[in-house]
Amino acid sequence: MGRSMADRILVHRLAVFARHGVLPEEERLGQRFYISLECRLDLAPAGRSDDVAATVSYADLAEIALDIATNRRFALIEALAEAIAGTCLARFPRIETIAVRIDKPSAPIPAVLDYAAIEIVRGRSDRVATTETR
C-alpha cells in the first residue's frame, strides 16, 4: 500500500435522525442512524502546504452525508451508503476510495442487539453515474 492509500480522513459516527427503512413505521416514526466515512487519499500535499485547498474538508464530507440522509428517503441503508459514496467521489476528485458505514441501532429485529450495520467500500471505478441524480 502506497503512502496515499495509507492516508485517511475519518468522520466517525455522525448522528442523524431520518426515516429510512422497509417498514411503514420506520418512515412514519423515523429513527437515529450513525454514519461513518473513511476516505483514502494523499494527504501529503495538505500536510506540506498547510492549505485547506490541498485536502478534502471533513466538514464538507459530514455535510454531504447529513444532507443525503435527512433530505432523501431510502428503503435500504445500502442505498443510502451508495448515494453518500457516489456523491463524495463525484465532488472530491482527490478521494481515491471511500468506505461508508451506516449503523442502525433501532433496526426492527426481534432480538436484543446494539445495532445492525452495513459498510461499503467504493473507488473511482465503482462510481455509478446516477448517484447524484436520484
Protein backbone atom coordinates (compact mmCIF):
# COMPACT_ATOMS: atom_id res chain seq x y z
CA MET A 1 0.00 0.00 0.00
CA GLY A 2 1.47 3.34 -1.05
CA ARG A 3 1.56 6.38 1.15
CA SER A 4 -1.58 7.90 -0.35
CA MET A 5 -3.60 4.73 0.28
CA ALA A 6 -2.47 4.76 3.92
CA ASP A 7 -3.63 8.35 4.45
CA ARG A 8 -7.21 8.70 5.61
CA ILE A 9 -9.80 11.31 6.52
CA LEU A 10 -12.32 9.95 9.00
CA VAL A 11 -15.78 11.11 10.00
CA HIS A 12 -16.89 8.81 12.81
CA ARG A 13 -20.50 8.18 13.91
CA LEU A 14 -22.26 11.27 12.59
CA ALA A 15 -25.69 11.02 14.28
CA VAL A 16 -28.73 11.73 12.11
CA PHE A 17 -32.45 11.31 12.62
CA ALA A 18 -34.05 10.03 9.43
CA ARG A 19 -36.90 7.91 8.07
CA HIS A 20 -35.13 5.10 6.20
CA GLY A 21 -36.35 1.53 6.25
CA VAL A 22 -38.56 -1.04 4.58
CA LEU A 23 -41.42 -0.89 7.10
CA PRO A 24 -44.08 1.85 7.05
CA GLU A 25 -43.43 2.50 10.76
CA GLU A 26 -39.82 3.35 10.01
CA GLU A 27 -40.93 6.05 7.59
CA ARG A 28 -43.64 7.35 9.91
CA LEU A 29 -41.68 7.37 13.18
CA GLY A 30 -38.10 7.77 11.99
CA GLN A 31 -35.06 6.72 13.98
CA ARG A 32 -31.43 7.55 14.66
CA PHE A 33 -28.67 6.38 12.33
CA TYR A 34 -24.90 6.76 12.68
CA ILE A 35 -22.83 7.40 9.56
CA SER A 36 -19.08 6.87 9.42
CA LEU A 37 -16.83 7.74 6.48
CA GLU A 38 -13.26 6.72 5.75
CA CYS A 39 -11.74 8.45 2.74
CA ARG A 40 -8.38 7.32 1.39
CA LEU A 41 -6.36 9.99 -0.37
CA ASP A 42 -2.91 11.51 -0.43
CA LEU A 43 -2.73 13.97 2.47
CA ALA A 44 0.95 14.84 1.92
CA PRO A 45 0.22 17.97 -0.17
CA ALA A 46 -2.02 19.36 2.59
CA GLY A 47 0.48 18.43 5.29
CA ARG A 48 3.34 20.13 3.46
CA SER A 49 1.41 23.26 2.45
CA ASP A 50 -0.90 23.71 5.45
CA ASP A 51 -3.54 24.73 2.88
CA VAL A 52 -7.12 23.50 3.18
CA ALA A 53 -7.44 23.68 -0.61
CA ALA A 54 -4.97 20.76 -0.81
CA THR A 55 -7.26 18.37 1.07
CA VAL A 56 -10.92 17.41 1.48
CA SER A 57 -12.73 19.14 4.32
CA TYR A 58 -14.23 16.71 6.81
CA ALA A 59 -16.91 19.36 7.40
CA ASP A 60 -17.89 19.09 3.72
CA LEU A 61 -17.98 15.29 3.97
CA ALA A 62 -20.21 15.45 7.04
CA GLU A 63 -22.49 17.99 5.33
CA ILE A 64 -22.96 15.69 2.31
CA ALA A 65 -23.78 12.70 4.50
CA LEU A 66 -26.20 14.73 6.63
CA ASP A 67 -27.91 16.27 3.60
CA ILE A 68 -28.44 12.96 1.81
CA ALA A 69 -29.53 11.12 4.98
CA THR A 70 -32.06 13.76 6.03
CA ASN A 71 -33.41 15.03 2.71
CA ARG A 72 -33.87 11.76 0.84
CA ARG A 73 -35.58 8.52 1.83
CA PHE A 74 -34.26 5.02 1.22
CA ALA A 75 -35.80 1.65 1.96
CA LEU A 76 -32.32 0.16 2.37
CA ILE A 77 -29.35 1.58 4.23
CA GLU A 78 -27.24 0.02 1.48
CA ALA A 79 -28.79 2.51 -0.96
CA LEU A 80 -28.16 5.38 1.47
CA ALA A 81 -24.49 4.38 1.67
CA GLU A 82 -24.21 4.14 -2.12
CA ALA A 83 -25.65 7.65 -2.53
CA ILE A 84 -23.21 9.10 0.00
CA ALA A 85 -20.21 7.30 -1.51
CA GLY A 86 -21.11 8.26 -5.07
CA THR A 87 -21.66 11.90 -4.19
CA CYS A 88 -18.38 12.18 -2.28
CA LEU A 89 -16.42 10.57 -5.12
CA ALA A 90 -18.11 12.85 -7.66
CA ARG A 91 -17.46 16.05 -5.71
CA PHE A 92 -13.94 15.37 -4.48
CA PRO A 93 -11.54 14.04 -7.15
CA ARG A 94 -8.77 13.75 -4.52
CA ILE A 95 -10.58 10.82 -2.85
CA GLU A 96 -9.27 7.51 -4.18
CA THR A 97 -11.59 5.24 -2.18
CA ILE A 98 -14.32 5.78 0.37
CA ALA A 99 -15.80 3.44 2.95
CA VAL A 100 -19.28 4.32 4.20
CA ARG A 101 -20.73 2.60 7.24
CA ILE A 102 -24.33 3.02 8.36
CA ASP A 103 -25.28 1.87 11.87
CA LYS A 104 -28.96 1.34 12.60
CA PRO A 105 -29.35 0.94 16.38
CA SER A 106 -33.14 0.59 16.31
CA ALA A 107 -33.37 -1.94 13.49
CA PRO A 108 -36.72 -3.76 13.71
CA ILE A 109 -35.24 -7.13 14.63
CA PRO A 110 -36.88 -9.32 17.29
CA ALA A 111 -33.65 -9.68 19.26
CA VAL A 112 -31.51 -7.72 21.69
CA LEU A 113 -28.61 -6.13 19.81
CA ASP A 114 -26.53 -2.96 19.87
CA TYR A 115 -27.14 -2.21 16.19
CA ALA A 116 -27.34 -3.60 12.70
CA ALA A 117 -24.91 -2.08 10.20
CA ILE A 118 -23.62 -2.20 6.66
CA GLU A 119 -20.34 -0.99 5.23
CA ILE A 120 -19.44 -0.46 1.61
CA VAL A 121 -16.12 0.47 0.01
CA ARG A 122 -16.13 2.26 -3.33
CA GLY A 123 -13.42 3.66 -5.56
CA ARG A 124 -13.32 5.75 -8.69
CA SER A 125 -14.04 2.78 -10.99
CA ASP A 126 -17.10 1.76 -8.91
CA ARG A 127 -18.88 5.09 -9.14
CA VAL A 128 -22.33 4.96 -10.66
CA ALA A 129 -23.18 7.98 -12.79
CA THR A 130 -26.73 8.18 -11.47
CA THR A 131 -25.92 8.57 -7.76
CA GLU A 132 -26.38 12.34 -7.70
CA THR A 133 -29.42 12.40 -9.97
CA ARG A 134 -31.73 10.22 -7.92
